[in-house]
Structures are given as structure tokens and as C-alpha cells.
């Protein structure tokens, strides 16, 4: 009898509400269009720049972030120009 009761046991409302909210947020982010993508890129740019500045000193204008969304996957490209580093030919 415990097996059957565990199959039909009612889930609490908190996990159900959380799952529904996550689905709703994901749907809104996907359907927001270019304005939503611009807001997301602005937020990503600000947060990534904060993390980079914790470790090295960089010019804010030298950090470029690009987000390409495709049907199968999305690509986040981050280009950071670090001052003081130059391309030196490898010896070997």
C-alpha cells in the first residue's frame, strides 16, 4: 500500500511554483527580442567587467561582449584587451 500511496502523493506547492516560475522566466527571456538581448548584454558586460577588475586593471572600453543566438545553441564571446601584454613570438 505504501508504494501506491507514494505514486499518488501530492507534491507541495513550493517546488511546483518554482518550476513554473523558471519556465516562465526562460520563456520571457527568449521572447524578449532584441530589447531583452540588449538588456542582458548590458548586465553581462557590467558583471563580467566587475569580475575582471578584481584580478587585473583593464579599460572598460577594451572589453567587448557579443551574444549570438542560434536555433540549436547560443554563443557568448568575450574579448578583453589586457594592457601590458604584447604578442611575443614563441621560442622553441
N, C-alpha and C. Protein backbone atom coordinates (compact mmCIF):
# COMPACT_ATOMS: atom_id res chain seq x y z
N UNK A 1 0.81 -1.18 0.00
CA UNK A 1 0.00 0.00 0.00
C UNK A 1 0.86 1.27 0.00
N UNK A 2 2.03 1.23 0.63
CA UNK A 2 2.89 2.41 0.67
C UNK A 2 3.43 2.76 -0.70
N UNK A 3 3.65 1.75 -1.54
CA UNK A 3 4.12 2.01 -2.90
C UNK A 3 3.09 2.81 -3.68
N UNK A 4 1.84 2.40 -3.60
CA UNK A 4 0.78 3.11 -4.31
C UNK A 4 0.58 4.51 -3.76
N UNK A 5 0.66 4.66 -2.48
CA UNK A 5 0.47 5.99 -1.90
C UNK A 5 1.62 6.93 -2.26
N UNK A 6 2.83 6.37 -2.43
CA UNK A 6 3.95 7.22 -2.82
C UNK A 6 3.83 7.67 -4.28
N UNK A 7 3.20 6.85 -5.11
CA UNK A 7 2.98 7.24 -6.50
C UNK A 7 1.99 8.38 -6.63
N UNK A 8 0.99 8.37 -5.81
CA UNK A 8 -0.08 9.35 -5.92
C UNK A 8 0.03 10.45 -4.87
N UNK A 9 1.17 10.54 -4.22
CA UNK A 9 1.36 11.55 -3.20
C UNK A 9 1.40 12.93 -3.85
N UNK A 10 0.72 13.85 -3.26
CA UNK A 10 0.63 15.20 -3.79
C UNK A 10 1.91 15.96 -3.44
N UNK A 11 2.52 16.60 -4.45
CA UNK A 11 3.72 17.42 -4.22
C UNK A 11 3.32 18.72 -3.54
N UNK A 12 4.23 19.24 -2.74
CA UNK A 12 3.94 20.52 -2.11
C UNK A 12 3.95 21.61 -3.17
N UNK A 13 3.32 22.72 -2.88
CA UNK A 13 3.15 23.76 -3.89
C UNK A 13 4.42 24.56 -4.16
N UNK A 14 5.36 24.61 -3.24
CA UNK A 14 6.58 25.40 -3.44
C UNK A 14 7.42 24.91 -4.62
N UNK A 15 7.74 23.61 -4.73
CA UNK A 15 8.52 23.16 -5.89
C UNK A 15 7.77 23.36 -7.21
N UNK A 16 6.47 23.17 -7.18
CA UNK A 16 5.67 23.36 -8.40
C UNK A 16 5.72 24.83 -8.82
N UNK A 17 5.56 25.74 -7.88
CA UNK A 17 5.60 27.17 -8.18
C UNK A 17 6.98 27.57 -8.69
N UNK A 18 8.04 27.03 -8.08
CA UNK A 18 9.40 27.34 -8.51
C UNK A 18 9.63 26.87 -9.95
N UNK A 19 9.20 25.66 -10.27
CA UNK A 19 9.36 25.13 -11.62
C UNK A 19 8.60 25.98 -12.63
N UNK A 20 7.39 26.36 -12.29
CA UNK A 20 6.60 27.20 -13.19
C UNK A 20 7.25 28.56 -13.40
N UNK A 21 7.80 29.14 -12.35
CA UNK A 21 8.46 30.44 -12.46
C UNK A 21 9.70 30.34 -13.33
N UNK A 22 10.47 29.27 -13.19
CA UNK A 22 11.66 29.10 -14.02
C UNK A 22 11.29 28.97 -15.49
N UNK A 23 10.23 28.24 -15.77
CA UNK A 23 9.77 28.10 -17.15
C UNK A 23 9.30 29.44 -17.70
N UNK A 24 8.56 30.18 -16.89
CA UNK A 24 8.07 31.49 -17.30
C UNK A 24 9.21 32.46 -17.57
N UNK A 25 10.21 32.49 -16.69
CA UNK A 25 11.35 33.38 -16.88
C UNK A 25 12.15 33.01 -18.13
N UNK A 26 12.35 31.73 -18.35
CA UNK A 26 13.08 31.29 -19.55
C UNK A 26 12.32 31.68 -20.80
N UNK A 27 11.01 31.53 -20.78
CA UNK A 27 10.19 31.89 -21.93
C UNK A 27 10.25 33.40 -22.19
N UNK A 28 10.16 34.20 -21.13
CA UNK A 28 10.20 35.65 -21.30
C UNK A 28 11.55 36.11 -21.82
N UNK A 29 12.62 35.49 -21.36
CA UNK A 29 13.95 35.86 -21.84
C UNK A 29 14.11 35.53 -23.32
N UNK A 30 13.56 34.41 -23.73
CA UNK A 30 13.68 34.01 -25.13
C UNK A 30 12.81 34.87 -26.04
N UNK A 31 11.65 35.30 -25.56
CA UNK A 31 10.73 36.05 -26.41
C UNK A 31 10.89 37.55 -26.27
N UNK A 32 11.86 38.01 -25.48
CA UNK A 32 12.03 39.44 -25.26
C UNK A 32 12.52 40.15 -26.50
N UNK A 33 13.11 39.44 -27.43
CA UNK A 33 13.59 40.05 -28.66
C UNK A 33 14.88 40.80 -28.46
N UNK A 34 15.15 41.75 -29.35
CA UNK A 34 16.40 42.50 -29.31
C UNK A 34 16.53 43.37 -28.07
N UNK A 35 15.43 43.96 -27.61
CA UNK A 35 15.49 44.80 -26.42
C UNK A 35 15.92 43.98 -25.22
N UNK A 36 15.36 42.80 -25.07
CA UNK A 36 15.74 41.92 -23.97
C UNK A 36 17.18 41.48 -24.08
N UNK A 37 17.63 41.23 -25.31
CA UNK A 37 19.01 40.81 -25.52
C UNK A 37 19.95 41.96 -25.20
N UNK A 38 19.59 43.19 -25.56
CA UNK A 38 20.42 44.34 -25.24
C UNK A 38 20.53 44.53 -23.73
N UNK A 39 19.41 44.37 -23.02
CA UNK A 39 19.44 44.48 -21.56
C UNK A 39 20.32 43.40 -20.96
N UNK A 40 20.21 42.19 -21.48
CA UNK A 40 21.02 41.08 -20.99
C UNK A 40 22.49 41.34 -21.25
N UNK A 41 22.83 41.83 -22.44
CA UNK A 41 24.23 42.11 -22.76
C UNK A 41 24.79 43.22 -21.88
N UNK A 42 23.99 44.23 -21.61
CA UNK A 42 24.44 45.32 -20.74
C UNK A 42 24.73 44.80 -19.34
N UNK A 43 23.84 43.98 -18.84
CA UNK A 43 24.03 43.42 -17.50
C UNK A 43 25.24 42.48 -17.47
N UNK A 44 25.37 41.63 -18.50
CA UNK A 44 26.53 40.72 -18.57
C UNK A 44 27.83 41.51 -18.65
N UNK A 45 27.84 42.55 -19.47
CA UNK A 45 29.04 43.36 -19.64
C UNK A 45 29.46 43.97 -18.30
N UNK A 46 28.52 44.52 -17.58
CA UNK A 46 28.81 45.16 -16.29
C UNK A 46 29.34 44.13 -15.28
N UNK A 47 28.68 42.98 -15.18
CA UNK A 47 29.08 41.97 -14.20
C UNK A 47 30.42 41.33 -14.55
N UNK A 48 30.64 41.05 -15.82
CA UNK A 48 31.91 40.44 -16.24
C UNK A 48 33.05 41.42 -16.02
N UNK A 49 32.82 42.70 -16.31
CA UNK A 49 33.84 43.71 -16.09
C UNK A 49 34.21 43.82 -14.61
N UNK A 50 33.22 43.73 -13.73
CA UNK A 50 33.49 43.75 -12.29
C UNK A 50 34.38 42.59 -11.87
N UNK A 51 34.10 41.41 -12.41
CA UNK A 51 34.90 40.23 -12.07
C UNK A 51 36.33 40.37 -12.59
N UNK A 52 36.48 40.84 -13.82
CA UNK A 52 37.82 41.00 -14.40
C UNK A 52 38.62 42.02 -13.61
N UNK A 53 37.98 43.12 -13.21
CA UNK A 53 38.68 44.18 -12.48
C UNK A 53 39.15 43.73 -11.10
N UNK A 54 38.59 42.67 -10.57
CA UNK A 54 39.07 42.13 -9.29
C UNK A 54 40.48 41.58 -9.42
N UNK A 55 40.84 41.15 -10.62
CA UNK A 55 42.11 40.47 -10.83
C UNK A 55 43.13 41.29 -11.61
N UNK A 56 42.68 42.07 -12.59
CA UNK A 56 43.59 42.88 -13.39
C UNK A 56 42.95 44.23 -13.69
N UNK A 57 43.78 45.19 -14.03
CA UNK A 57 43.29 46.52 -14.38
C UNK A 57 43.09 46.58 -15.89
N UNK A 58 41.86 46.86 -16.31
CA UNK A 58 41.55 46.94 -17.73
C UNK A 58 40.72 48.19 -17.99
N UNK A 59 40.81 48.67 -19.23
CA UNK A 59 39.98 49.79 -19.67
C UNK A 59 38.60 49.24 -20.04
N UNK A 60 37.56 49.88 -19.54
CA UNK A 60 36.19 49.40 -19.78
C UNK A 60 35.87 49.33 -21.27
N UNK A 61 36.43 50.24 -22.05
CA UNK A 61 36.16 50.26 -23.49
C UNK A 61 36.87 49.13 -24.23
N UNK A 62 37.81 48.48 -23.57
CA UNK A 62 38.58 47.40 -24.20
C UNK A 62 37.99 46.02 -23.93
N UNK A 63 36.82 45.97 -23.32
CA UNK A 63 36.13 44.70 -23.08
C UNK A 63 34.91 44.65 -23.98
N UNK A 64 34.90 43.71 -24.90
CA UNK A 64 33.79 43.56 -25.84
C UNK A 64 33.07 42.24 -25.57
N UNK A 65 31.76 42.29 -25.55
CA UNK A 65 30.95 41.09 -25.31
C UNK A 65 29.93 40.98 -26.43
N UNK A 66 29.83 39.78 -26.98
CA UNK A 66 28.92 39.53 -28.10
C UNK A 66 28.15 38.25 -27.81
N UNK A 67 26.85 38.29 -28.03
CA UNK A 67 26.00 37.12 -27.81
C UNK A 67 25.31 36.78 -29.12
N UNK A 68 25.57 35.59 -29.64
CA UNK A 68 24.93 35.11 -30.86
C UNK A 68 24.00 33.97 -30.50
N UNK A 69 22.73 34.15 -30.84
CA UNK A 69 21.75 33.10 -30.55
C UNK A 69 21.39 32.39 -31.84
N UNK A 70 21.51 31.08 -31.79
CA UNK A 70 21.13 30.25 -32.92
C UNK A 70 19.97 29.36 -32.55
N UNK A 71 19.54 28.56 -33.49
CA UNK A 71 18.41 27.66 -33.24
C UNK A 71 18.81 26.55 -32.27
N UNK A 72 20.04 26.08 -32.38
CA UNK A 72 20.48 24.95 -31.56
C UNK A 72 21.28 25.36 -30.33
N UNK A 73 22.03 26.48 -30.42
CA UNK A 73 22.84 26.89 -29.29
C UNK A 73 23.09 28.39 -29.33
N UNK A 74 23.55 28.92 -28.22
CA UNK A 74 23.92 30.32 -28.12
C UNK A 74 25.41 30.39 -27.80
N UNK A 75 26.07 31.44 -28.34
CA UNK A 75 27.50 31.60 -28.13
C UNK A 75 27.74 32.96 -27.49
N UNK A 76 28.44 32.96 -26.36
CA UNK A 76 28.84 34.19 -25.69
C UNK A 76 30.33 34.37 -25.93
N UNK A 77 30.68 35.46 -26.62
CA UNK A 77 32.08 35.73 -26.96
C UNK A 77 32.54 36.95 -26.16
N UNK A 78 33.65 36.80 -25.45
CA UNK A 78 34.20 37.88 -24.63
C UNK A 78 35.61 38.17 -25.10
N UNK A 79 35.87 39.43 -25.46
CA UNK A 79 37.18 39.85 -25.94
C UNK A 79 37.71 40.91 -24.98
N UNK A 80 38.81 40.60 -24.30
CA UNK A 80 39.40 41.51 -23.32
C UNK A 80 40.81 41.86 -23.76
N UNK A 81 41.06 43.16 -23.93
CA UNK A 81 42.41 43.61 -24.25
C UNK A 81 43.11 43.95 -22.94
N UNK A 82 44.13 43.16 -22.61
CA UNK A 82 44.84 43.33 -21.35
C UNK A 82 46.05 44.22 -21.59
N UNK A 83 46.14 45.36 -20.89
CA UNK A 83 47.29 46.25 -21.10
C UNK A 83 48.58 45.62 -20.58
N UNK A 84 49.67 45.91 -21.29
CA UNK A 84 50.96 45.40 -20.85
C UNK A 84 51.33 44.06 -21.45
N UNK A 85 50.38 43.37 -22.05
CA UNK A 85 50.69 42.10 -22.70
C UNK A 85 50.81 42.34 -24.19
N UNK A 86 51.92 41.90 -24.75
CA UNK A 86 52.12 42.02 -26.19
C UNK A 86 52.35 40.64 -26.76
N UNK A 87 52.07 40.53 -28.03
CA UNK A 87 52.31 39.26 -28.71
C UNK A 87 53.81 39.12 -28.94
N UNK A 88 54.41 38.17 -28.28
CA UNK A 88 55.82 37.88 -28.47
C UNK A 88 55.94 36.53 -29.16
N UNK A 89 56.83 36.44 -30.14
CA UNK A 89 56.99 35.14 -30.79
C UNK A 89 57.51 34.11 -29.80
N UNK A 90 56.96 32.93 -29.90
CA UNK A 90 57.38 31.84 -29.01
C UNK A 90 58.71 31.28 -29.47
N UNK A 91 59.54 31.04 -28.51
CA UNK A 91 60.83 30.43 -28.84
C UNK A 91 60.76 28.96 -28.50
N UNK A 92 61.18 28.16 -29.37
CA UNK A 92 61.11 26.76 -29.02
C UNK A 92 61.49 25.93 -30.10
